[in-house]
Amino acid sequence: MSLRHALLGLLSQGSASGYDLLKIFEISLANVWPATQSQLYGELGRLADAGLIEVVAEGPRGRKAYGPTEAGMAELRHWLVEVPPEQLRRSDMLLRVFFLGAVGAEQARAYLKEQGAVATRSHEHLETIRPIVADDDHDLSVYGRIALEWGLRFTRMQQEWAEWAAREIEAHTSRTPSGTGV
């Protein structure tokens, strides 16, 4: 996903200022596609230059509300249904798992326990978002809840996997002649 498409998607739900979009990002999209303020405002400028969004209202202190153009909606629809999602196949964390045999069993288990703790913290953070997500029939609410549920299930799976993997190393260590697992 690109920031471009994230902004077009948000603007397809209704016009918003850069500030409004930043706030929406902070409570929702930042969990799947983080962006800084400068990235967001820079992308708004590029979208406007490309004719994909336009200023639909101006307020005090130069505040501008943007909305998608027909070309912007066409781009969003094209990306949603015709461009296959990028399947991330690289995982720095799992690459390390492949080589945990190079360290002692205790270090390997500690690494896995830390990965479980990271997943637990992520899961807890997502749980704090649950009450913020509106329970209504607005598209952003419905699909936001669906995305949140994916995150909750994924982090729960990561926690369970890390616990299982640490037990596997424990079992491996008890079966190896040196008892080190190395």
Protein backbone atom coordinates (compact mmCIF):
# COMPACT_ATOMS: atom_id res chain seq x y z
CA MET A 1 0.00 0.00 0.00
CA SER A 2 1.17 3.51 -0.56
CA LEU A 3 0.52 6.65 1.38
CA ARG A 4 -1.07 7.97 -1.80
CA HIS A 5 -3.75 5.29 -1.72
CA ALA A 6 -4.25 5.58 2.02
CA LEU A 7 -5.01 9.30 1.63
CA LEU A 8 -7.27 8.72 -1.37
CA GLY A 9 -9.12 6.07 0.62
CA LEU A 10 -9.65 8.40 3.57
CA LEU A 11 -10.73 11.26 1.33
CA SER A 12 -13.19 8.96 -0.46
CA GLN A 13 -15.05 8.85 2.86
CA GLY A 14 -15.38 12.64 3.01
CA SER A 15 -13.37 15.80 2.63
CA ALA A 16 -10.76 16.55 5.25
CA SER A 17 -7.90 18.89 5.99
CA GLY A 18 -4.31 17.74 6.35
CA TYR A 19 -4.70 18.08 10.12
CA ASP A 20 -7.87 15.97 10.10
CA LEU A 21 -6.14 13.30 8.01
CA LEU A 22 -3.16 13.26 10.37
CA LYS A 23 -5.47 12.69 13.36
CA ILE A 24 -7.29 9.88 11.55
CA PHE A 25 -3.92 8.30 10.75
CA GLU A 26 -2.85 8.47 14.38
CA ILE A 27 -5.86 6.52 15.64
CA SER A 28 -6.34 4.09 12.79
CA LEU A 29 -4.08 3.74 9.78
CA ALA A 30 -0.85 4.25 11.70
CA ASN A 31 -1.28 0.66 12.85
CA VAL A 32 -1.03 -0.64 9.29
CA TRP A 33 0.75 2.15 7.42
CA PRO A 34 2.48 4.77 9.59
CA ALA A 35 3.22 8.22 8.19
CA THR A 36 4.77 11.34 9.60
CA GLN A 37 3.24 14.79 9.33
CA SER A 38 5.77 15.86 6.70
CA GLN A 39 5.14 12.71 4.63
CA LEU A 40 1.39 13.24 4.78
CA TYR A 41 1.49 16.91 3.80
CA GLY A 42 4.05 16.21 1.08
CA GLU A 43 1.83 13.50 -0.39
CA LEU A 44 -1.20 15.81 -0.30
CA GLY A 45 0.79 18.24 -2.43
CA ARG A 46 1.75 15.51 -4.89
CA LEU A 47 -1.84 14.28 -5.10
CA ALA A 48 -3.04 17.80 -5.84
CA ASP A 49 -0.31 18.32 -8.45
CA ALA A 50 -1.34 15.03 -10.10
CA GLY A 51 -4.99 16.13 -10.22
CA LEU A 52 -6.11 13.32 -7.91
CA ILE A 53 -7.41 15.60 -5.15
CA GLU A 54 -8.61 19.19 -5.05
CA VAL A 55 -9.28 21.83 -2.44
CA VAL A 56 -13.02 21.71 -1.74
CA ALA A 57 -13.12 24.32 1.04
CA GLU A 58 -10.87 26.88 2.67
CA GLY A 59 -11.15 27.98 6.25
CA PRO A 60 -9.47 30.31 8.69
CA ARG A 61 -5.67 30.50 8.83
CA GLY A 62 -5.37 28.95 5.37
CA ARG A 63 -6.89 25.63 6.42
CA LYS A 64 -7.76 23.64 3.31
CA ALA A 65 -10.13 20.71 3.08
CA TYR A 66 -9.38 18.28 0.29
CA GLY A 67 -11.59 15.90 -1.63
CA PRO A 68 -10.85 13.37 -4.32
CA THR A 69 -11.36 14.21 -7.98
CA GLU A 70 -12.92 11.70 -10.39
CA ALA A 71 -9.39 10.80 -11.46
CA GLY A 72 -8.49 10.24 -7.80
CA MET A 73 -11.47 7.94 -7.27
CA ALA A 74 -10.59 6.05 -10.46
CA GLU A 75 -7.01 5.62 -9.19
CA LEU A 76 -8.27 4.37 -5.82
CA ARG A 77 -10.66 1.88 -7.41
CA HIS A 78 -7.94 0.67 -9.80
CA TRP A 79 -5.53 0.12 -6.91
CA LEU A 80 -8.17 -1.61 -4.77
CA VAL A 81 -9.27 -4.23 -7.29
CA GLU A 82 -6.69 -4.43 -10.06
CA VAL A 83 -3.28 -4.04 -8.41
CA PRO A 84 -2.31 -7.18 -6.46
CA PRO A 85 -1.26 -6.43 -2.88
CA GLU A 86 2.43 -6.66 -2.15
CA GLN A 87 3.08 -9.92 -0.32
CA LEU A 88 5.86 -9.21 2.11
CA ARG A 89 8.02 -12.27 2.27
CA ARG A 90 10.95 -10.86 4.19
CA SER A 91 11.07 -11.05 7.95
CA ASP A 92 14.15 -9.95 9.82
CA MET A 93 12.75 -11.61 12.93
CA LEU A 94 12.27 -15.01 11.26
CA LEU A 95 15.63 -14.84 9.51
CA ARG A 96 17.19 -14.61 12.95
CA VAL A 97 15.15 -17.62 14.10
CA PHE A 98 16.74 -19.71 11.36
CA PHE A 99 20.16 -19.05 12.86
CA LEU A 100 19.39 -19.20 16.58
CA GLY A 101 21.41 -22.39 16.71
CA ALA A 102 24.49 -20.16 16.63
CA VAL A 103 23.75 -18.97 20.17
CA GLY A 104 23.05 -20.91 23.33
CA ALA A 105 19.62 -22.34 24.00
CA GLU A 106 19.04 -19.85 26.82
CA GLN A 107 19.75 -16.91 24.48
CA ALA A 108 17.51 -18.44 21.81
CA ARG A 109 14.64 -18.85 24.29
CA ALA A 110 15.19 -15.30 25.55
CA TYR A 111 15.00 -14.01 21.98
CA LEU A 112 11.73 -15.85 21.40
CA LYS A 113 10.29 -14.70 24.71
CA GLU A 114 11.12 -11.11 23.75
CA GLN A 115 9.33 -11.59 20.42
CA GLY A 116 6.33 -12.84 22.39
CA ALA A 117 6.53 -9.78 24.62
CA VAL A 118 6.67 -7.50 21.57
CA ALA A 119 3.55 -9.21 20.21
CA THR A 120 1.85 -8.85 23.59
CA ARG A 121 2.56 -5.11 23.67
CA SER A 122 1.27 -4.74 20.12
CA HIS A 123 -1.85 -6.71 21.01
CA GLU A 124 -2.46 -4.57 24.10
CA HIS A 125 -2.05 -1.41 22.03
CA LEU A 126 -4.60 -2.65 19.50
CA GLU A 127 -7.01 -3.46 22.34
CA THR A 128 -6.84 0.21 23.41
CA ILE A 129 -8.01 1.16 19.92
CA ARG A 130 -11.07 -1.10 19.98
CA PRO A 131 -13.22 1.36 22.00
CA ILE A 132 -12.23 4.21 19.68
CA VAL A 133 -13.43 2.46 16.52
CA ALA A 134 -17.02 3.53 16.00
CA ASP A 135 -19.57 0.74 16.05
CA ASP A 136 -21.69 2.03 13.20
CA ASP A 137 -22.36 1.24 9.55
CA HIS A 138 -20.04 3.89 8.12
CA ASP A 139 -17.59 2.22 5.71
CA LEU A 140 -14.50 3.42 7.56
CA SER A 141 -15.89 1.99 10.82
CA VAL A 142 -16.91 -1.37 9.35
CA TYR A 143 -13.68 -1.96 7.46
CA GLY A 144 -11.60 -0.41 10.23
CA ARG A 145 -13.06 -2.97 12.67
CA ILE A 146 -12.24 -5.75 10.19
CA ALA A 147 -8.61 -4.53 9.90
CA LEU A 148 -8.36 -4.17 13.68
CA GLU A 149 -9.58 -7.74 14.14
CA TRP A 150 -6.88 -8.96 11.75
CA GLY A 151 -4.25 -7.16 13.85
CA LEU A 152 -5.62 -8.63 17.07
CA ARG A 153 -5.67 -12.15 15.68
CA PHE A 154 -2.21 -11.77 14.13
CA THR A 155 -0.60 -10.50 17.33
CA ARG A 156 -2.31 -13.28 19.31
CA MET A 157 -0.88 -15.82 16.86
CA GLN A 158 2.59 -14.26 17.23
CA GLN A 159 2.32 -14.58 21.02
CA GLU A 160 1.26 -18.21 20.81
CA TRP A 161 3.96 -19.02 18.24
CA ALA A 162 6.72 -17.47 20.39
CA GLU A 163 5.62 -19.51 23.41
CA TRP A 164 5.48 -22.69 21.32
CA ALA A 165 8.90 -22.00 19.77
CA ALA A 166 10.49 -21.46 23.19
CA ARG A 167 9.06 -24.83 24.32
CA GLU A 168 10.47 -26.45 21.16
CA ILE A 169 13.95 -25.18 22.01
CA GLU A 170 13.53 -26.45 25.56
CA ALA A 171 12.60 -29.90 24.21
CA HIS A 172 15.47 -29.82 21.71
CA THR A 173 17.94 -28.88 24.43
CA SER A 174 16.86 -31.79 26.59
CA ARG A 175 17.35 -34.22 23.66
CA THR A 176 20.83 -33.04 22.56
CA PRO A 177 23.84 -34.84 24.06
CA SER A 178 25.59 -31.63 25.18
CA GLY A 179 22.39 -30.20 26.60
CA THR A 180 23.21 -26.85 25.05
CA GLY A 181 21.15 -27.12 21.88
CA VAL A 182 24.08 -25.65 19.93
